[in-house]
Amino acid sequence: MKHLKTAALAVCLTATTAAAQDIDLPKQLSWTAYGTGSAGYNQSVAIGAALQDATGVNLRVLPGKNDVSRTEPLRQGRVQFSATGVGGSYMAQEGVFDFGAENWGPQPIRVLLANNGGAINLAVGVAADEGIETYADLKGKRVAYIVGAPALNVNTEAYLAYGGLTWDDVERVDFGGFGASWTGLIEDQVDAAFASTNSGKAYEAEAGPRGLFWPPIDPENTEGFEAMTSIAPFFVINKAMVGATIDGTDGYQGAGYAYPVLTAMESTEDDLVYNMTKAMVELFDQYDGKAPGISGWALDKQDMKWVVPYHAGAIRYFEEQGIWNEEAQAHNDDLIARQEALAAAWEELKAQDPDDWTAAWTEARKAALEEGGFDVTF
């Protein structure tokens, strides 16, 4: 038996070595990620360790505290890739919020792979003592708004839309940060706040005097979900198995989205992206299980029709694996056309040099999307 185990291990190592020899990457790679201690950072480090062991490639992970600080090094070419979220991918593509500033604009972001783990949801949790059972029940309730965190607030707005509500239907309570909003929920300063279901703050709320409840998203409520995705089109219906009040149960029927998302700029060399994608897929077994939630990087969990286009180098690898089809290509082409329409509108507006940049870009962006027949979000 010992001999058989040794032989099996040798076969496994030989296969891994063979796969690694086919991966052609520079010996030094850099990418940005969320701050140290975050799921995105921990997963990036685990992926880097697998790369080092299998190929000798050294992956340097640069933590960034917000979407701009993660995207700026990518835009300037100081890193090849970024393990980011919807802010640094979708909102950067759209040129909205911080990316709508005059020194930014819509970015030609491309995706390699995304973590679609599905173990957790990203949702608006409510204090259990309020008797709130649905998102429609938030009408007139106190809802947290995080100053300077548009991605969080858009997500909250999407959940309100699912319940047929807007910010005008609730009492908005401003907080200076994510943690403060959940402390506010625990201390009865607010009744609802947004978080991932496995957030430490959510567990604190569960154990706190008010308790915690996650109102469900009904997969049959297509009208409500369409209203939700009209605000935040990156959400997907999902049943979470991990999180506060969820652990050890049959799960929480709600919604979530990809996190982290591995991105590059459109100008990044196809061969580099191809080999990075190949490494992520073919070394998956080497990093799977090495960080919480990391299993979502598996090839069979990829969404080929997401809201940000895939890079040509990644598509080449997907075609080799037989998982890229005409429908996915048509969707990708449409997303690229959307990016090009936004970029053209941005350059045209820059030439006009308006006094009120924010207002002018809001109008120009909307007009460009409508003219191109694209959905208008934000």
Protein backbone atom coordinates (compact mmCIF):
# COMPACT_ATOMS: atom_id res chain seq x y z
CA MET A 1 0.00 0.00 0.00
CA LYS A 2 2.83 2.38 0.86
CA HIS A 3 4.43 1.63 -2.50
CA LEU A 4 1.15 2.38 -4.32
CA LYS A 5 0.77 5.71 -2.51
CA THR A 6 4.35 6.62 -3.36
CA ALA A 7 3.79 5.71 -7.01
CA ALA A 8 0.57 7.74 -7.14
CA LEU A 9 2.34 10.73 -5.64
CA ALA A 10 5.12 10.42 -8.18
CA VAL A 11 2.61 10.37 -11.04
CA CYS A 12 0.88 13.43 -9.61
CA LEU A 13 4.14 15.32 -9.25
CA THR A 14 5.20 14.34 -12.77
CA ALA A 15 1.92 15.64 -14.18
CA THR A 16 2.27 18.88 -12.26
CA THR A 17 5.84 19.33 -13.44
CA ALA A 18 4.82 18.69 -17.05
CA ALA A 19 2.04 21.25 -16.81
CA ALA A 20 4.37 23.77 -15.19
CA GLN A 21 6.94 23.35 -17.96
CA ASP A 22 4.29 24.43 -20.48
CA ILE A 23 3.61 27.70 -18.60
CA ASP A 24 5.76 30.52 -19.95
CA LEU A 25 5.77 33.43 -17.50
CA PRO A 26 8.43 35.95 -16.49
CA LYS A 27 10.27 35.00 -13.31
CA GLN A 28 8.89 38.10 -11.55
CA LEU A 29 5.19 38.98 -11.64
CA SER A 30 3.31 41.70 -9.75
CA TRP A 31 -0.34 42.26 -9.14
CA THR A 32 -2.44 44.37 -6.81
CA ALA A 33 -5.03 43.00 -4.41
CA TYR A 34 -7.18 44.06 -1.50
CA GLY A 35 -5.48 44.95 1.79
CA THR A 36 -3.51 42.49 3.87
CA GLY A 37 -5.74 40.07 5.74
CA SER A 38 -8.54 40.32 3.17
CA ALA A 39 -9.82 37.28 1.29
CA GLY A 40 -8.46 38.72 -1.96
CA TYR A 41 -4.99 39.24 -0.53
CA ASN A 42 -4.84 35.83 1.18
CA GLN A 43 -5.93 34.08 -2.00
CA SER A 44 -3.36 35.98 -4.05
CA VAL A 45 -0.61 34.92 -1.67
CA ALA A 46 -1.72 31.28 -1.88
CA ILE A 47 -1.74 31.44 -5.69
CA GLY A 48 1.72 33.01 -5.57
CA ALA A 49 3.02 30.16 -3.43
CA ALA A 50 1.71 27.60 -5.94
CA LEU A 51 3.34 29.52 -8.80
CA GLN A 52 6.64 29.61 -6.96
CA ASP A 53 6.59 25.90 -6.15
CA ALA A 54 5.55 24.74 -9.61
CA THR A 55 7.30 27.19 -11.92
CA GLY A 56 9.78 29.23 -9.90
CA VAL A 57 7.81 32.40 -10.70
CA ASN A 58 7.83 34.95 -7.90
CA LEU A 59 4.46 36.72 -7.54
CA ARG A 60 4.66 40.04 -5.70
CA VAL A 61 1.27 41.04 -4.26
CA LEU A 62 0.77 44.76 -3.62
CA PRO A 63 -2.12 45.52 -1.23
CA GLY A 64 -4.39 48.46 -2.07
CA LYS A 65 -6.92 49.98 0.31
CA ASN A 66 -9.43 51.04 -2.35
CA ASP A 67 -10.40 50.57 -5.99
CA VAL A 68 -8.29 53.45 -7.26
CA SER A 69 -5.15 52.37 -5.42
CA ARG A 70 -5.54 48.87 -6.86
CA THR A 71 -6.20 50.09 -10.40
CA GLU A 72 -3.67 52.93 -10.70
CA PRO A 73 -0.58 50.63 -10.78
CA LEU A 74 -2.34 48.48 -13.40
CA ARG A 75 -3.14 51.49 -15.55
CA GLN A 76 0.44 52.75 -15.32
CA GLY A 77 1.94 49.35 -16.13
CA ARG A 78 3.69 48.96 -12.76
CA VAL A 79 1.89 45.64 -12.27
CA GLN A 80 0.69 43.16 -14.87
CA PHE A 81 -2.55 42.14 -13.15
CA SER A 82 -4.99 43.10 -10.41
CA ALA A 83 -7.05 40.81 -8.17
CA THR A 84 -9.83 43.31 -7.63
CA GLY A 85 -13.60 43.52 -7.18
CA VAL A 86 -16.53 45.06 -9.04
CA GLY A 87 -15.14 48.53 -8.33
CA GLY A 88 -11.80 48.01 -10.04
CA SER A 89 -13.37 46.01 -12.88
CA TYR A 90 -16.95 46.99 -13.72
CA MET A 91 -17.00 50.52 -12.29
CA ALA A 92 -13.58 51.27 -13.80
CA GLN A 93 -14.90 50.09 -17.18
CA GLU A 94 -17.97 52.30 -16.78
CA GLY A 95 -16.06 55.43 -15.75
CA VAL A 96 -18.30 56.06 -12.75
CA PHE A 97 -17.82 57.26 -9.17
CA ASP A 98 -14.08 57.67 -8.50
CA PHE A 99 -13.38 56.57 -12.08
CA GLY A 100 -15.53 59.41 -13.38
CA ALA A 101 -13.00 61.96 -12.12
CA GLU A 102 -11.36 64.05 -14.83
CA ASN A 103 -8.02 62.30 -14.37
CA TRP A 104 -9.56 58.84 -14.84
CA GLY A 105 -12.37 57.98 -17.22
CA PRO A 106 -13.63 54.61 -18.53
CA GLN A 107 -10.85 52.03 -18.59
CA PRO A 108 -10.30 49.21 -21.12
CA ILE A 109 -10.33 46.54 -18.41
CA ARG A 110 -10.16 42.87 -19.37
CA VAL A 111 -10.86 39.76 -17.27
CA LEU A 112 -8.76 36.59 -17.06
CA LEU A 113 -10.72 34.62 -14.46
CA ALA A 114 -13.02 35.40 -11.54
CA ASN A 115 -13.71 33.73 -8.23
CA ASN A 116 -17.32 32.61 -8.39
CA GLY A 117 -17.13 30.53 -5.24
CA GLY A 118 -20.74 30.78 -4.18
CA ALA A 119 -20.06 29.83 -0.55
CA ILE A 120 -21.04 33.30 0.67
CA ASN A 121 -23.49 36.00 -0.32
CA LEU A 122 -23.04 39.75 -0.32
CA ALA A 123 -26.19 41.17 1.16
CA VAL A 124 -27.97 43.74 3.29
CA GLY A 125 -28.36 42.33 6.79
CA VAL A 126 -30.96 43.66 9.23
CA ALA A 127 -31.31 43.75 13.00
CA ALA A 128 -33.44 40.75 13.95
CA ASP A 129 -35.34 42.72 16.59
CA GLU A 130 -36.96 44.94 13.95
CA GLY A 131 -39.19 42.19 12.58
CA ILE A 132 -38.01 42.85 9.02
CA GLU A 133 -38.75 39.81 6.87
CA THR A 134 -38.39 41.17 3.33
CA TYR A 135 -36.45 44.00 1.71
CA ALA A 136 -39.77 45.77 1.11
CA ASP A 137 -40.08 45.94 4.91
CA LEU A 138 -37.13 48.37 4.98
CA LYS A 139 -39.49 51.20 4.09
CA GLY A 140 -39.11 53.90 6.75
CA LYS A 141 -36.23 52.04 8.43
CA ARG A 142 -32.71 53.34 9.06
CA VAL A 143 -30.27 52.13 6.38
CA ALA A 144 -26.50 52.60 6.49
CA TYR A 145 -24.75 54.73 3.86
CA ILE A 146 -20.94 54.68 3.76
CA VAL A 147 -19.39 58.03 2.86
CA GLY A 148 -16.73 57.62 0.17
CA ALA A 149 -17.65 54.00 -0.60
CA PRO A 150 -19.83 54.10 -3.74
CA ALA A 151 -19.52 50.37 -4.46
CA LEU A 152 -21.03 49.52 -1.07
CA ASN A 153 -23.81 52.06 -1.47
CA VAL A 154 -24.72 50.90 -4.97
CA ASN A 155 -25.07 47.38 -3.61
CA THR A 156 -27.38 48.60 -0.85
CA GLU A 157 -29.37 50.57 -3.42
CA ALA A 158 -29.74 47.39 -5.48
CA TYR A 159 -31.24 45.53 -2.53
CA LEU A 160 -33.62 48.42 -1.92
CA ALA A 161 -34.66 48.23 -5.58
CA TYR A 162 -35.39 44.50 -5.17
CA GLY A 163 -37.85 45.52 -2.46
CA GLY A 164 -39.38 48.22 -4.67
CA LEU A 165 -37.67 51.00 -2.71
CA THR A 166 -35.16 53.81 -3.22
CA TRP A 167 -33.05 55.84 -0.81
CA ASP A 168 -35.99 58.26 -0.59
CA ASP A 169 -38.10 55.52 1.03
CA VAL A 170 -35.73 54.92 3.94
CA GLU A 171 -33.92 56.97 6.54
CA ARG A 172 -30.34 57.19 5.30
CA VAL A 173 -27.76 57.16 8.10
CA ASP A 174 -24.23 58.16 7.10
CA PHE A 175 -21.14 56.41 8.48
CA GLY A 176 -17.46 57.03 7.89
CA GLY A 177 -16.63 53.40 7.18
CA PHE A 178 -17.90 49.86 6.75
CA GLY A 179 -17.00 48.78 10.29
CA ALA A 180 -18.70 51.80 11.82
CA SER A 181 -21.94 51.00 9.99
CA TRP A 182 -22.10 47.54 11.53
CA THR A 183 -21.18 48.85 14.96
CA GLY A 184 -24.10 51.22 14.41
CA LEU A 185 -26.41 48.27 13.69
CA ILE A 186 -25.29 46.49 16.84
CA GLU A 187 -25.73 49.64 18.95
CA ASP A 188 -29.18 50.50 17.52
CA GLN A 189 -28.09 53.51 15.46
CA VAL A 190 -29.19 51.87 12.20
CA ASP A 191 -31.38 48.92 11.20
CA ALA A 192 -29.71 47.61 8.04
CA ALA A 193 -26.19 47.48 6.55
CA PHE A 194 -24.37 45.78 3.67
CA ALA A 195 -21.68 43.10 4.08
CA SER A 196 -20.50 39.70 2.97
CA THR A 197 -22.25 37.03 4.99
CA ASN A 198 -18.94 35.82 6.44
CA SER A 199 -17.82 39.27 7.59
CA GLY A 200 -16.50 39.42 11.14
CA LYS A 201 -18.86 42.32 11.79
CA ALA A 202 -21.83 40.19 10.72
CA TYR A 203 -20.83 37.54 13.24
CA GLU A 204 -20.58 40.27 15.89
CA ALA A 205 -24.09 41.41 15.03
CA GLU A 206 -25.39 37.84 15.23
CA ALA A 207 -24.01 37.57 18.76
CA GLY A 208 -25.13 41.08 19.72
CA PRO A 209 -28.26 42.12 21.65
CA ARG A 210 -30.32 42.78 18.49
CA GLY A 211 -29.37 39.68 16.54
CA LEU A 212 -29.12 39.47 12.74
CA PHE A 213 -31.35 38.41 9.87
CA TRP A 214 -30.67 38.23 6.12
CA PRO A 215 -33.91 38.82 4.16
CA PRO A 216 -34.07 36.32 1.28
CA ILE A 217 -33.91 36.85 -2.46
CA ASP A 218 -36.61 34.72 -4.11
CA PRO A 219 -35.33 33.16 -7.38
CA GLU A 220 -38.92 33.20 -8.65
CA ASN A 221 -39.21 36.96 -8.17
CA THR A 222 -37.84 37.84 -11.60
CA GLU A 223 -39.29 41.36 -11.54
CA GLY A 224 -37.58 42.17 -8.26
CA PHE A 225 -34.27 40.70 -9.42
CA GLU A 226 -34.44 42.63 -12.69
CA ALA A 227 -34.89 45.82 -10.66
CA MET A 228 -31.89 44.81 -8.56
CA THR A 229 -29.63 44.12 -11.53
CA SER A 230 -30.72 47.32 -13.25
CA ILE A 231 -28.78 49.04 -10.44
CA ALA A 232 -25.98 46.46 -10.02
CA PRO A 233 -25.90 44.07 -13.00
CA PHE A 234 -23.06 42.00 -11.55
CA PHE A 235 -25.30 40.27 -8.98
CA VAL A 236 -26.37 36.65 -9.48
CA ILE A 237 -28.85 34.51 -7.53
CA ASN A 238 -26.93 32.37 -5.07
CA LYS A 239 -27.50 30.12 -2.05
CA ALA A 240 -24.84 30.79 0.58
CA MET A 241 -23.68 28.11 2.97
CA VAL A 242 -21.18 30.20 4.94
CA GLY A 243 -21.76 33.18 7.19
CA ALA A 244 -23.35 34.60 10.31
CA THR A 245 -26.68 32.82 11.06
CA ILE A 246 -25.97 30.56 8.05
CA ASP A 247 -23.21 28.18 9.20
CA GLY A 248 -24.58 24.71 9.87
CA THR A 249 -27.95 25.41 8.24
CA ASP A 250 -29.45 24.51 4.88
CA GLY A 251 -28.15 27.82 3.55
CA TYR A 252 -29.34 31.35 2.78
CA GLN A 253 -31.07 32.02 -0.54
CA GLY A 254 -29.79 35.39 -1.61
CA ALA A 255 -27.41 36.93 -4.14
CA GLY A 256 -23.69 37.49 -4.62
CA TYR A 257 -21.08 38.36 -7.21
CA ALA A 258 -17.59 37.43 -8.30
CA TYR A 259 -14.75 38.33 -5.93
CA PRO A 260 -11.88 38.62 -6.52
CA VAL A 261 -11.69 39.23 -10.27
CA LEU A 262 -8.28 38.87 -11.95
CA THR A 263 -7.92 41.69 -14.47
CA ALA A 264 -5.46 43.15 -16.95
CA MET A 265 -5.54 46.09 -19.31
CA GLU A 266 -6.58 45.48 -22.92
CA SER A 267 -3.02 46.39 -24.00
CA THR A 268 -1.43 43.62 -21.91
CA GLU A 269 0.33 41.14 -24.19
CA ASP A 270 -1.86 38.24 -25.28
CA ASP A 271 0.85 35.65 -24.58
CA LEU A 272 1.33 36.89 -21.01
CA VAL A 273 -2.41 36.77 -20.32
CA TYR A 274 -2.71 33.35 -21.98
CA ASN A 275 0.01 31.90 -19.77
CA MET A 276 -1.31 33.55 -16.59
CA THR A 277 -4.78 32.15 -17.32
CA LYS A 278 -3.26 28.74 -18.02
CA ALA A 279 -1.31 28.84 -14.76
CA MET A 280 -4.42 29.79 -12.76
CA VAL A 281 -6.33 26.86 -14.22
CA GLU A 282 -3.68 24.15 -14.41
CA LEU A 283 -2.18 24.86 -10.99
CA PHE A 284 -5.60 25.08 -9.36
CA ASP A 285 -5.16 21.84 -7.42
CA GLN A 286 -1.93 23.23 -5.93
CA TYR A 287 -3.60 26.29 -4.38
CA ASP A 288 -7.14 25.01 -3.83
CA GLY A 289 -7.92 24.88 -0.12
CA LYS A 290 -4.97 27.10 0.81
CA ALA A 291 -7.13 30.16 1.62
CA PRO A 292 -10.82 30.65 2.54
CA GLY A 293 -13.10 30.76 -0.50
CA ILE A 294 -10.33 30.05 -3.00
CA SER A 295 -12.15 27.16 -4.71
CA GLY A 296 -14.21 29.63 -6.74
CA TRP A 297 -11.31 30.08 -9.19
CA ALA A 298 -12.04 26.64 -10.70
CA LEU A 299 -12.54 26.63 -14.45
CA ASP A 300 -16.01 25.09 -14.19
CA LYS A 301 -17.17 28.04 -12.08
CA GLN A 302 -16.37 30.71 -14.66
CA ASP A 303 -19.12 32.94 -16.07
CA MET A 304 -18.30 33.52 -19.73
CA LYS A 305 -21.02 36.17 -20.04
CA TRP A 306 -20.15 38.54 -17.20
CA VAL A 307 -20.33 42.37 -17.26
CA VAL A 308 -16.67 42.99 -18.18
CA PRO A 309 -15.06 41.48 -21.33
CA TYR A 310 -12.44 38.75 -21.27
CA HIS A 311 -8.94 39.39 -22.58
CA ALA A 312 -8.01 37.90 -25.95
CA GLY A 313 -5.24 35.88 -24.28
CA ALA A 314 -7.69 34.29 -21.85
CA ILE A 315 -10.12 33.57 -24.68
CA ARG A 316 -7.37 31.73 -26.57
CA TYR A 317 -6.93 29.41 -23.59
CA PHE A 318 -10.69 28.90 -23.19
CA GLU A 319 -10.93 28.00 -26.88
CA GLU A 320 -8.24 25.36 -26.43
CA GLN A 321 -10.29 23.91 -23.58
CA GLY A 322 -13.44 23.87 -25.71
CA ILE A 323 -15.43 26.11 -23.35
CA TRP A 324 -15.68 29.27 -25.46
CA ASN A 325 -18.50 29.48 -28.00
CA GLU A 326 -20.09 31.89 -30.46
CA GLU A 327 -22.57 33.13 -27.87
CA ALA A 328 -19.78 34.01 -25.44
CA GLN A 329 -17.85 35.75 -28.24
CA ALA A 330 -20.88 37.80 -29.27
CA HIS A 331 -21.42 38.87 -25.66
CA ASN A 332 -17.74 39.77 -25.33
CA ASP A 333 -17.79 41.79 -28.56
CA ASP A 334 -20.81 43.73 -27.30
CA LEU A 335 -19.02 44.58 -24.04
CA ILE A 336 -15.96 45.80 -25.94
CA ALA A 337 -18.19 47.96 -28.13
CA ARG A 338 -19.69 49.42 -24.95
CA GLN A 339 -16.21 50.28 -23.66
CA GLU A 340 -15.30 51.89 -26.99
CA ALA A 341 -18.46 54.01 -26.98
CA LEU A 342 -17.69 55.24 -23.47
CA ALA A 343 -14.05 55.98 -24.34
CA ALA A 344 -15.08 57.97 -27.43
CA ALA A 345 -17.57 60.00 -25.39
CA TRP A 346 -14.89 60.70 -22.79
CA GLU A 347 -12.37 61.96 -25.35
CA GLU A 348 -15.00 64.14 -27.01
CA LEU A 349 -15.94 65.70 -23.68
CA LYS A 350 -12.29 66.34 -22.80
CA ALA A 351 -11.93 68.33 -26.00
CA GLN A 352 -14.91 70.47 -24.92
CA ASP A 353 -13.36 71.15 -21.47
CA PRO A 354 -16.66 71.80 -19.61
CA ASP A 355 -16.73 73.86 -16.39
CA ASP A 356 -18.75 71.27 -14.45
CA TRP A 357 -17.01 68.05 -15.38
CA THR A 358 -19.12 65.73 -13.23
CA ALA A 359 -22.45 66.95 -14.57
CA ALA A 360 -21.19 67.06 -18.16
CA TRP A 361 -19.78 63.52 -18.01
CA THR A 362 -22.98 62.15 -16.47
CA GLU A 363 -24.97 63.49 -19.41
CA ALA A 364 -22.41 62.56 -22.07
CA ARG A 365 -22.08 59.03 -20.70
CA LYS A 366 -25.83 58.48 -20.68
CA ALA A 367 -26.19 59.84 -24.23
CA ALA A 368 -23.37 57.62 -25.54
CA LEU A 369 -24.88 54.47 -24.01
CA GLU A 370 -28.36 55.27 -25.28
CA GLU A 371 -27.08 56.04 -28.77
CA GLY A 372 -25.20 52.76 -28.87
CA GLY A 373 -28.23 50.78 -27.67
CA PHE A 374 -26.54 49.80 -24.40
CA ASP A 375 -28.14 49.54 -20.98
CA VAL A 376 -27.72 52.70 -18.90
CA THR A 377 -26.53 51.98 -15.38
CA PHE A 378 -25.59 54.54 -12.73
